Amino acid sequence: MKSWYLVTCKPRQEERAATNLLNQGIEVFYPKLTTEKLIKGRRTVKQSALFPNYLFICLESQNGNFSAVKNTRGINGFVSYGTRYQIVPEALIEQLKYERTSSAESTIPKAGDTVSVHNNTFNNVAAIYKEPDGDMRSILLINLLNQKIEVSVENKDITQ
């Protein structure tokens, strides 16, 4: 019977450890957090470990190659209570996998999203996001005098 176990990694070596374990044929779950933000008006995408310095691995409870895992580059060892390795419930792993796939929300608006503009010209004006206008600006549709007008606005002035 296979079980999920929790292992600790050396600092900032989760990716290396996961790759080495996968090369050995060991199933690994390494949840990552992807964030897309506007920093100084530029869009940046960053991926980081959801649980820094930890990986979930799936091994046979009786005949698993635990020593190979402990000796893998990037791995510190198993999380244990006394002499027993910590088993992670399958339901928790499934929930984490489901939440990773269902939470694909982004901080950057998509075409058709309603946004709010906050700058000197348009303060707290509702608009519809149309498309990016380079890295620093976006084109919005603003309703002025019952007509939709295209306006190019700096990304830092847009909130959802």
N, C-alpha and C. Protein backbone atom coordinates (compact mmCIF):
# COMPACT_ATOMS: atom_id res chain seq x y z
N MET A 1 0.85 -1.18 0.00
CA MET A 1 0.00 0.00 0.00
C MET A 1 0.89 1.25 0.00
N LYS A 2 0.58 2.19 -0.87
CA LYS A 2 1.37 3.42 -0.95
C LYS A 2 0.82 4.47 0.01
N SER A 3 1.73 5.26 0.56
CA SER A 3 1.36 6.36 1.45
C SER A 3 2.17 7.59 1.07
N TRP A 4 1.62 8.74 1.41
CA TRP A 4 2.33 10.01 1.19
C TRP A 4 3.11 10.34 2.45
N TYR A 5 4.35 10.80 2.24
CA TYR A 5 5.23 11.18 3.34
C TYR A 5 5.70 12.61 3.12
N LEU A 6 6.08 13.24 4.21
CA LEU A 6 6.58 14.61 4.17
C LEU A 6 8.09 14.58 4.39
N VAL A 7 8.83 15.21 3.46
CA VAL A 7 10.29 15.29 3.59
C VAL A 7 10.71 16.74 3.63
N THR A 8 11.83 17.00 4.31
CA THR A 8 12.38 18.35 4.34
C THR A 8 13.51 18.44 3.32
N CYS A 9 13.63 19.62 2.76
CA CYS A 9 14.67 19.88 1.76
C CYS A 9 15.66 20.89 2.31
N LYS A 10 16.80 20.93 1.67
CA LYS A 10 17.76 21.97 2.00
C LYS A 10 17.20 23.29 1.49
N PRO A 11 17.60 24.41 2.09
CA PRO A 11 17.03 25.71 1.70
C PRO A 11 17.14 25.98 0.20
N ARG A 12 16.01 26.37 -0.39
CA ARG A 12 15.88 26.74 -1.81
C ARG A 12 16.30 25.63 -2.76
N GLN A 13 16.17 24.36 -2.33
CA GLN A 13 16.52 23.24 -3.21
C GLN A 13 15.35 22.31 -3.45
N GLU A 14 14.13 22.82 -3.29
CA GLU A 14 12.95 21.99 -3.51
C GLU A 14 12.90 21.48 -4.95
N GLU A 15 13.18 22.36 -5.90
CA GLU A 15 13.13 22.00 -7.31
C GLU A 15 14.17 20.92 -7.63
N ARG A 16 15.36 21.09 -7.13
CA ARG A 16 16.43 20.12 -7.36
C ARG A 16 16.06 18.76 -6.76
N ALA A 17 15.56 18.76 -5.54
CA ALA A 17 15.18 17.52 -4.87
C ALA A 17 14.04 16.83 -5.62
N ALA A 18 13.04 17.59 -6.04
CA ALA A 18 11.91 17.02 -6.76
C ALA A 18 12.37 16.39 -8.07
N THR A 19 13.24 17.06 -8.79
CA THR A 19 13.76 16.51 -10.05
C THR A 19 14.54 15.23 -9.81
N ASN A 20 15.38 15.21 -8.80
CA ASN A 20 16.16 14.01 -8.49
C ASN A 20 15.27 12.84 -8.06
N LEU A 21 14.23 13.13 -7.30
CA LEU A 21 13.30 12.06 -6.89
C LEU A 21 12.52 11.53 -8.09
N LEU A 22 12.07 12.42 -8.96
CA LEU A 22 11.35 11.98 -10.15
C LEU A 22 12.25 11.12 -11.05
N ASN A 23 13.53 11.46 -11.13
CA ASN A 23 14.47 10.65 -11.92
C ASN A 23 14.64 9.25 -11.35
N GLN A 24 14.37 9.08 -10.06
CA GLN A 24 14.44 7.76 -9.43
C GLN A 24 13.11 7.02 -9.52
N GLY A 25 12.10 7.63 -10.13
CA GLY A 25 10.80 6.99 -10.27
C GLY A 25 9.90 7.14 -9.06
N ILE A 26 10.20 8.11 -8.22
CA ILE A 26 9.40 8.34 -7.01
C ILE A 26 8.41 9.46 -7.29
N GLU A 27 7.15 9.22 -6.95
CA GLU A 27 6.10 10.22 -7.17
C GLU A 27 6.28 11.36 -6.17
N VAL A 28 6.28 12.60 -6.69
CA VAL A 28 6.52 13.78 -5.87
C VAL A 28 5.38 14.77 -6.07
N PHE A 29 4.95 15.39 -4.99
CA PHE A 29 4.00 16.49 -5.09
C PHE A 29 4.69 17.71 -4.49
N TYR A 30 4.88 18.71 -5.34
CA TYR A 30 5.60 19.93 -4.96
C TYR A 30 4.70 21.11 -5.33
N PRO A 31 3.78 21.50 -4.44
CA PRO A 31 2.87 22.60 -4.78
C PRO A 31 3.60 23.93 -4.84
N LYS A 32 3.31 24.66 -5.92
CA LYS A 32 3.93 25.97 -6.12
C LYS A 32 2.83 27.03 -6.14
N LEU A 33 3.21 28.19 -5.71
CA LEU A 33 2.31 29.33 -5.70
C LEU A 33 2.76 30.27 -6.81
N THR A 34 1.87 30.51 -7.79
CA THR A 34 2.18 31.42 -8.88
C THR A 34 1.46 32.73 -8.63
N THR A 35 2.23 33.80 -8.60
CA THR A 35 1.64 35.11 -8.40
C THR A 35 2.01 36.01 -9.57
N GLU A 36 1.06 36.78 -10.00
CA GLU A 36 1.26 37.73 -11.09
C GLU A 36 0.90 39.09 -10.52
N LYS A 37 1.86 39.98 -10.50
CA LYS A 37 1.65 41.28 -9.87
C LYS A 37 2.10 42.40 -10.78
N LEU A 38 1.64 43.58 -10.46
CA LEU A 38 2.13 44.79 -11.10
C LEU A 38 3.15 45.41 -10.16
N ILE A 39 4.41 45.43 -10.59
CA ILE A 39 5.47 46.04 -9.79
C ILE A 39 6.05 47.17 -10.60
N LYS A 40 5.90 48.39 -10.10
CA LYS A 40 6.33 49.59 -10.80
C LYS A 40 5.73 49.66 -12.20
N GLY A 41 4.48 49.23 -12.32
CA GLY A 41 3.77 49.30 -13.59
C GLY A 41 4.07 48.17 -14.54
N ARG A 42 4.96 47.25 -14.19
CA ARG A 42 5.30 46.12 -15.07
C ARG A 42 4.68 44.84 -14.53
N ARG A 43 4.27 43.97 -15.44
CA ARG A 43 3.71 42.68 -15.06
C ARG A 43 4.85 41.72 -14.76
N THR A 44 4.79 41.10 -13.61
CA THR A 44 5.79 40.10 -13.26
C THR A 44 5.09 38.85 -12.75
N VAL A 45 5.60 37.70 -13.16
CA VAL A 45 5.08 36.41 -12.72
C VAL A 45 6.17 35.73 -11.90
N LYS A 46 5.80 35.28 -10.73
CA LYS A 46 6.78 34.65 -9.85
C LYS A 46 6.20 33.34 -9.33
N GLN A 47 7.02 32.29 -9.35
CA GLN A 47 6.62 31.01 -8.77
C GLN A 47 7.48 30.75 -7.55
N SER A 48 6.83 30.35 -6.48
CA SER A 48 7.56 30.02 -5.27
C SER A 48 6.89 28.80 -4.63
N ALA A 49 7.62 28.15 -3.75
CA ALA A 49 7.09 26.97 -3.06
C ALA A 49 5.96 27.37 -2.13
N LEU A 50 4.86 26.62 -2.18
CA LEU A 50 3.76 26.87 -1.27
C LEU A 50 4.19 26.55 0.16
N PHE A 51 4.97 25.47 0.31
CA PHE A 51 5.53 25.10 1.61
C PHE A 51 7.06 25.08 1.45
N PRO A 52 7.73 26.20 1.71
CA PRO A 52 9.18 26.23 1.53
C PRO A 52 9.89 25.15 2.35
N ASN A 53 10.86 24.50 1.72
CA ASN A 53 11.69 23.46 2.33
C ASN A 53 10.96 22.14 2.59
N TYR A 54 9.78 21.92 1.97
CA TYR A 54 9.06 20.67 2.15
C TYR A 54 8.58 20.12 0.82
N LEU A 55 8.57 18.79 0.71
CA LEU A 55 8.01 18.07 -0.44
C LEU A 55 7.16 16.93 0.08
N PHE A 56 6.17 16.52 -0.70
CA PHE A 56 5.39 15.34 -0.41
C PHE A 56 5.83 14.25 -1.38
N ILE A 57 6.08 13.05 -0.86
CA ILE A 57 6.46 11.95 -1.74
C ILE A 57 5.57 10.75 -1.45
N CYS A 58 5.38 9.92 -2.47
CA CYS A 58 4.54 8.74 -2.34
C CYS A 58 5.42 7.49 -2.46
N LEU A 59 5.41 6.66 -1.41
CA LEU A 59 6.21 5.43 -1.37
C LEU A 59 5.38 4.28 -0.84
N GLU A 60 5.83 3.06 -1.18
CA GLU A 60 5.24 1.86 -0.59
C GLU A 60 5.54 1.88 0.91
N SER A 61 4.54 1.63 1.72
CA SER A 61 4.73 1.69 3.17
C SER A 61 5.70 0.63 3.68
N GLN A 62 5.67 -0.57 3.10
CA GLN A 62 6.52 -1.67 3.58
C GLN A 62 7.82 -1.79 2.81
N ASN A 63 7.76 -1.68 1.48
CA ASN A 63 8.94 -1.96 0.66
C ASN A 63 9.49 -0.72 -0.04
N GLY A 64 9.14 0.46 0.44
CA GLY A 64 9.62 1.70 -0.17
C GLY A 64 11.11 1.88 0.03
N ASN A 65 11.74 2.56 -0.89
CA ASN A 65 13.19 2.79 -0.80
C ASN A 65 13.45 4.08 -0.03
N PHE A 66 13.26 4.02 1.27
CA PHE A 66 13.39 5.19 2.14
C PHE A 66 14.83 5.70 2.19
N SER A 67 15.79 4.79 2.17
CA SER A 67 17.20 5.22 2.25
C SER A 67 17.61 5.98 0.99
N ALA A 68 17.08 5.58 -0.18
CA ALA A 68 17.39 6.30 -1.42
C ALA A 68 16.86 7.73 -1.34
N VAL A 69 15.68 7.90 -0.73
CA VAL A 69 15.10 9.23 -0.60
C VAL A 69 15.98 10.08 0.32
N LYS A 70 16.39 9.52 1.45
CA LYS A 70 17.21 10.27 2.40
C LYS A 70 18.56 10.69 1.82
N ASN A 71 19.07 9.89 0.87
CA ASN A 71 20.37 10.17 0.27
C ASN A 71 20.27 10.92 -1.05
N THR A 72 19.11 11.42 -1.39
CA THR A 72 18.92 12.17 -2.62
C THR A 72 19.43 13.59 -2.43
N ARG A 73 20.08 14.13 -3.47
CA ARG A 73 20.59 15.51 -3.40
C ARG A 73 19.43 16.48 -3.18
N GLY A 74 19.61 17.38 -2.22
CA GLY A 74 18.61 18.38 -1.92
C GLY A 74 17.69 18.01 -0.77
N ILE A 75 17.71 16.73 -0.35
CA ILE A 75 16.83 16.25 0.73
C ILE A 75 17.58 16.24 2.06
N ASN A 76 16.95 16.77 3.11
CA ASN A 76 17.50 16.68 4.47
C ASN A 76 17.09 15.38 5.13
N GLY A 77 15.82 15.02 5.01
CA GLY A 77 15.32 13.80 5.63
C GLY A 77 13.82 13.83 5.74
N PHE A 78 13.28 12.80 6.35
CA PHE A 78 11.84 12.68 6.54
C PHE A 78 11.41 13.43 7.80
N VAL A 79 10.20 13.94 7.78
CA VAL A 79 9.59 14.49 8.99
C VAL A 79 9.08 13.28 9.76
N SER A 80 9.47 13.18 11.02
CA SER A 80 9.09 11.99 11.78
C SER A 80 8.66 12.36 13.19
N TYR A 81 7.89 11.45 13.76
CA TYR A 81 7.53 11.53 15.18
C TYR A 81 8.14 10.31 15.84
N GLY A 82 9.19 10.54 16.59
CA GLY A 82 9.92 9.42 17.17
C GLY A 82 10.62 8.65 16.07
N THR A 83 10.32 7.36 15.97
CA THR A 83 10.94 6.53 14.94
C THR A 83 10.05 6.36 13.71
N ARG A 84 8.86 6.91 13.72
CA ARG A 84 7.91 6.73 12.61
C ARG A 84 7.90 7.96 11.72
N TYR A 85 7.97 7.71 10.42
CA TYR A 85 7.87 8.81 9.46
C TYR A 85 6.44 9.32 9.40
N GLN A 86 6.30 10.63 9.27
CA GLN A 86 4.98 11.26 9.24
C GLN A 86 4.26 10.91 7.94
N ILE A 87 3.11 10.27 8.06
CA ILE A 87 2.27 9.95 6.91
C ILE A 87 1.26 11.08 6.74
N VAL A 88 1.16 11.56 5.50
CA VAL A 88 0.23 12.65 5.18
C VAL A 88 -1.05 12.01 4.62
N PRO A 89 -2.22 12.38 5.13
CA PRO A 89 -3.46 11.78 4.63
C PRO A 89 -3.66 12.06 3.13
N GLU A 90 -4.11 11.05 2.41
CA GLU A 90 -4.39 11.17 0.97
C GLU A 90 -5.39 12.30 0.70
N ALA A 91 -6.37 12.46 1.59
CA ALA A 91 -7.38 13.51 1.40
C ALA A 91 -6.74 14.90 1.39
N LEU A 92 -5.73 15.11 2.20
CA LEU A 92 -5.05 16.40 2.24
C LEU A 92 -4.32 16.67 0.92
N ILE A 93 -3.64 15.65 0.39
CA ILE A 93 -2.94 15.80 -0.88
C ILE A 93 -3.93 16.11 -1.99
N GLU A 94 -5.04 15.38 -2.04
CA GLU A 94 -6.06 15.62 -3.07
C GLU A 94 -6.65 17.02 -2.95
N GLN A 95 -6.87 17.48 -1.73
CA GLN A 95 -7.40 18.82 -1.53
C GLN A 95 -6.41 19.87 -2.01
N LEU A 96 -5.14 19.69 -1.71
CA LEU A 96 -4.11 20.64 -2.17
C LEU A 96 -4.02 20.64 -3.69
N LYS A 97 -4.09 19.46 -4.31
CA LYS A 97 -4.05 19.38 -5.77
C LYS A 97 -5.26 20.08 -6.38
N TYR A 98 -6.43 19.87 -5.78
CA TYR A 98 -7.65 20.49 -6.30
C TYR A 98 -7.58 22.01 -6.16
N GLU A 99 -7.13 22.50 -5.02
CA GLU A 99 -7.06 23.94 -4.80
C GLU A 99 -6.04 24.60 -5.71
N ARG A 100 -4.96 23.90 -6.04
CA ARG A 100 -3.96 24.45 -6.95
C ARG A 100 -4.54 24.64 -8.34
N THR A 101 -5.38 23.70 -8.79
CA THR A 101 -5.95 23.81 -10.14
C THR A 101 -7.15 24.75 -10.18
N SER A 102 -7.89 24.86 -9.08
CA SER A 102 -9.09 25.70 -9.11
C SER A 102 -8.81 27.16 -8.79
N SER A 103 -7.66 27.47 -8.18
CA SER A 103 -7.37 28.86 -7.83
C SER A 103 -6.46 29.49 -8.87
N ALA A 104 -6.93 29.56 -10.09
CA ALA A 104 -6.14 30.15 -11.17
C ALA A 104 -6.45 31.63 -11.34
N GLU A 105 -6.93 32.25 -10.26
CA GLU A 105 -7.24 33.68 -10.35
C GLU A 105 -5.95 34.48 -10.42
N SER A 106 -5.99 35.55 -11.17
CA SER A 106 -4.81 36.37 -11.38
C SER A 106 -5.10 37.78 -10.89
N THR A 107 -4.06 38.50 -10.52
CA THR A 107 -4.24 39.88 -10.10
C THR A 107 -4.30 40.81 -11.30
N ILE A 108 -3.91 40.34 -12.48
CA ILE A 108 -3.97 41.14 -13.70
C ILE A 108 -5.34 40.95 -14.33
N PRO A 109 -6.03 42.05 -14.67
CA PRO A 109 -7.36 41.91 -15.27
C PRO A 109 -7.29 41.26 -16.64
N LYS A 110 -8.41 40.66 -17.03
CA LYS A 110 -8.53 40.07 -18.35
C LYS A 110 -9.53 40.90 -19.16
N ALA A 111 -9.49 40.74 -20.46
CA ALA A 111 -10.38 41.51 -21.34
C ALA A 111 -11.83 41.33 -20.89
N GLY A 112 -12.54 42.43 -20.73
CA GLY A 112 -13.94 42.41 -20.31
C GLY A 112 -14.15 42.58 -18.82
N ASP A 113 -13.09 42.50 -18.02
CA ASP A 113 -13.21 42.67 -16.57
C ASP A 113 -13.52 44.13 -16.24
N THR A 114 -14.32 44.32 -15.22
CA THR A 114 -14.60 45.67 -14.73
C THR A 114 -13.50 46.07 -13.76
N VAL A 115 -12.93 47.24 -14.00
CA VAL A 115 -11.86 47.75 -13.16
C VAL A 115 -12.19 49.16 -12.71
N SER A 116 -11.40 49.68 -11.81
CA SER A 116 -11.57 51.03 -11.32
C SER A 116 -10.27 51.80 -11.58
N VAL A 117 -10.40 53.03 -12.03
CA VAL A 117 -9.24 53.86 -12.36
C VAL A 117 -9.05 54.90 -11.26
N HIS A 118 -7.81 55.06 -10.82
CA HIS A 118 -7.49 56.03 -9.77
C HIS A 118 -6.27 56.83 -10.20
N ASN A 119 -6.49 57.97 -10.84
CA ASN A 119 -5.41 58.89 -11.20
C ASN A 119 -5.96 60.31 -11.18
N ASN A 120 -5.18 61.29 -11.60
CA ASN A 120 -5.63 62.69 -11.54
C ASN A 120 -6.79 62.96 -12.49
N THR A 121 -6.79 62.33 -13.66
CA THR A 121 -7.84 62.59 -14.64
C THR A 121 -9.13 61.87 -14.30
N PHE A 122 -9.03 60.57 -13.98
CA PHE A 122 -10.21 59.76 -13.66
C PHE A 122 -10.03 59.20 -12.27
N ASN A 123 -10.71 59.78 -11.29
CA ASN A 123 -10.59 59.31 -9.92
C ASN A 123 -11.80 58.46 -9.57
N ASN A 124 -11.55 57.17 -9.27
CA ASN A 124 -12.59 56.22 -8.89
C ASN A 124 -13.66 56.06 -9.98
N VAL A 125 -13.22 55.99 -11.23
CA VAL A 125 -14.11 55.82 -12.37
C VAL A 125 -14.11 54.35 -12.77
N ALA A 126 -15.30 53.77 -12.98
CA ALA A 126 -15.43 52.39 -13.42
C ALA A 126 -15.12 52.32 -14.92
N ALA A 127 -14.42 51.26 -15.31
CA ALA A 127 -14.05 51.08 -16.71
C ALA A 127 -14.04 49.59 -17.03
N ILE A 128 -13.93 49.28 -18.32
CA ILE A 128 -13.82 47.89 -18.76
C ILE A 128 -12.42 47.70 -19.34
N TYR A 129 -11.73 46.68 -18.85
CA TYR A 129 -10.37 46.40 -19.32
C TYR A 129 -10.45 45.83 -20.73
N LYS A 130 -9.69 46.41 -21.66
CA LYS A 130 -9.71 45.95 -23.05
C LYS A 130 -8.48 45.12 -23.37
N GLU A 131 -7.28 45.70 -23.23
CA GLU A 131 -6.05 44.99 -23.58
C GLU A 131 -4.85 45.74 -23.04
N PRO A 132 -3.70 45.04 -22.95
CA PRO A 132 -2.48 45.73 -22.52
C PRO A 132 -1.98 46.67 -23.62
N ASP A 133 -1.34 47.75 -23.20
CA ASP A 133 -0.76 48.72 -24.13
C ASP A 133 0.73 48.81 -23.78
N GLY A 134 1.48 47.78 -24.13
CA GLY A 134 2.87 47.68 -23.72
C GLY A 134 2.97 47.07 -22.33
N ASP A 135 4.12 47.23 -21.69
CA ASP A 135 4.32 46.67 -20.35
C ASP A 135 3.84 47.59 -19.24
N MET A 136 3.77 48.88 -19.50
CA MET A 136 3.49 49.85 -18.45
C MET A 136 2.06 50.40 -18.46
N ARG A 137 1.32 50.18 -19.54
CA ARG A 137 0.00 50.79 -19.67
C ARG A 137 -1.01 49.77 -20.15
N SER A 138 -2.30 50.12 -20.02
CA SER A 138 -3.39 49.28 -20.50
C SER A 138 -4.44 50.16 -21.15
N ILE A 139 -5.17 49.57 -22.08
CA ILE A 139 -6.26 50.29 -22.74
C ILE A 139 -7.57 49.89 -22.05
N LEU A 140 -8.32 50.89 -21.64
CA LEU A 140 -9.60 50.70 -20.97
C LEU A 140 -10.71 51.36 -21.76
N LEU A 141 -11.93 50.87 -21.57
CA LEU A 141 -13.11 51.52 -22.14
C LEU A 141 -13.84 52.22 -21.01
N ILE A 142 -13.96 53.53 -21.13
CA ILE A 142 -14.63 54.34 -20.11
C ILE A 142 -15.88 54.93 -20.74
N ASN A 143 -16.97 54.90 -19.98
CA ASN A 143 -18.24 55.43 -20.46
C ASN A 143 -18.32 56.93 -20.17
N LEU A 144 -18.16 57.75 -21.22
CA LEU A 144 -18.26 59.21 -21.10
C LEU A 144 -19.35 59.71 -22.03
N LEU A 145 -20.30 60.44 -21.49
CA LEU A 145 -21.41 60.99 -22.26
C LEU A 145 -22.10 59.91 -23.09
N ASN A 146 -22.37 58.77 -22.44
CA ASN A 146 -23.07 57.63 -23.06
C ASN A 146 -22.32 57.05 -24.24
N GLN A 147 -21.03 57.23 -24.31
CA GLN A 147 -20.21 56.61 -25.35
C GLN A 147 -19.01 55.94 -24.68
N LYS A 148 -18.61 54.80 -25.23
CA LYS A 148 -17.43 54.10 -24.71
C LYS A 148 -16.20 54.68 -25.41
N ILE A 149 -15.31 55.24 -24.61
CA ILE A 149 -14.11 55.88 -25.11
C ILE A 149 -12.90 55.04 -24.70
N GLU A 150 -11.98 54.78 -25.64
CA GLU A 150 -10.75 54.07 -25.32
C GLU A 150 -9.76 55.04 -24.70
N VAL A 151 -9.19 54.62 -23.56
CA VAL A 151 -8.24 55.45 -22.84
C VAL A 151 -7.06 54.57 -22.45
N SER A 152 -5.84 55.09 -22.66
CA SER A 152 -4.64 54.38 -22.23
C SER A 152 -4.24 54.90 -20.85
N VAL A 153 -4.13 53.98 -19.89
CA VAL A 153 -3.90 54.34 -18.50
C VAL A 153 -2.71 53.53 -17.98
N GLU A 154 -1.93 54.12 -17.08
CA GLU A 154 -0.82 53.39 -16.47
C GLU A 154 -1.38 52.24 -15.61
N ASN A 155 -0.69 51.11 -15.65
CA ASN A 155 -1.15 49.91 -14.91
C ASN A 155 -1.24 50.16 -13.41
N LYS A 156 -0.38 51.02 -12.87
CA LYS A 156 -0.41 51.26 -11.42
C LYS A 156 -1.67 51.99 -10.98
N ASP A 157 -2.39 52.60 -11.94
CA ASP A 157 -3.62 53.34 -11.61
C ASP A 157 -4.88 52.48 -11.69
N ILE A 158 -4.72 51.18 -12.00
CA ILE A 158 -5.87 50.28 -12.17
C ILE A 158 -6.00 49.35 -10.98
N THR A 159 -7.23 49.23 -10.46
CA THR A 159 -7.53 48.24 -9.41
C THR A 159 -8.77 47.46 -9.82
N GLN A 160 -8.85 46.23 -9.35
CA GLN A 160 -10.02 45.41 -9.66
C GLN A 160 -11.05 45.51 -8.60
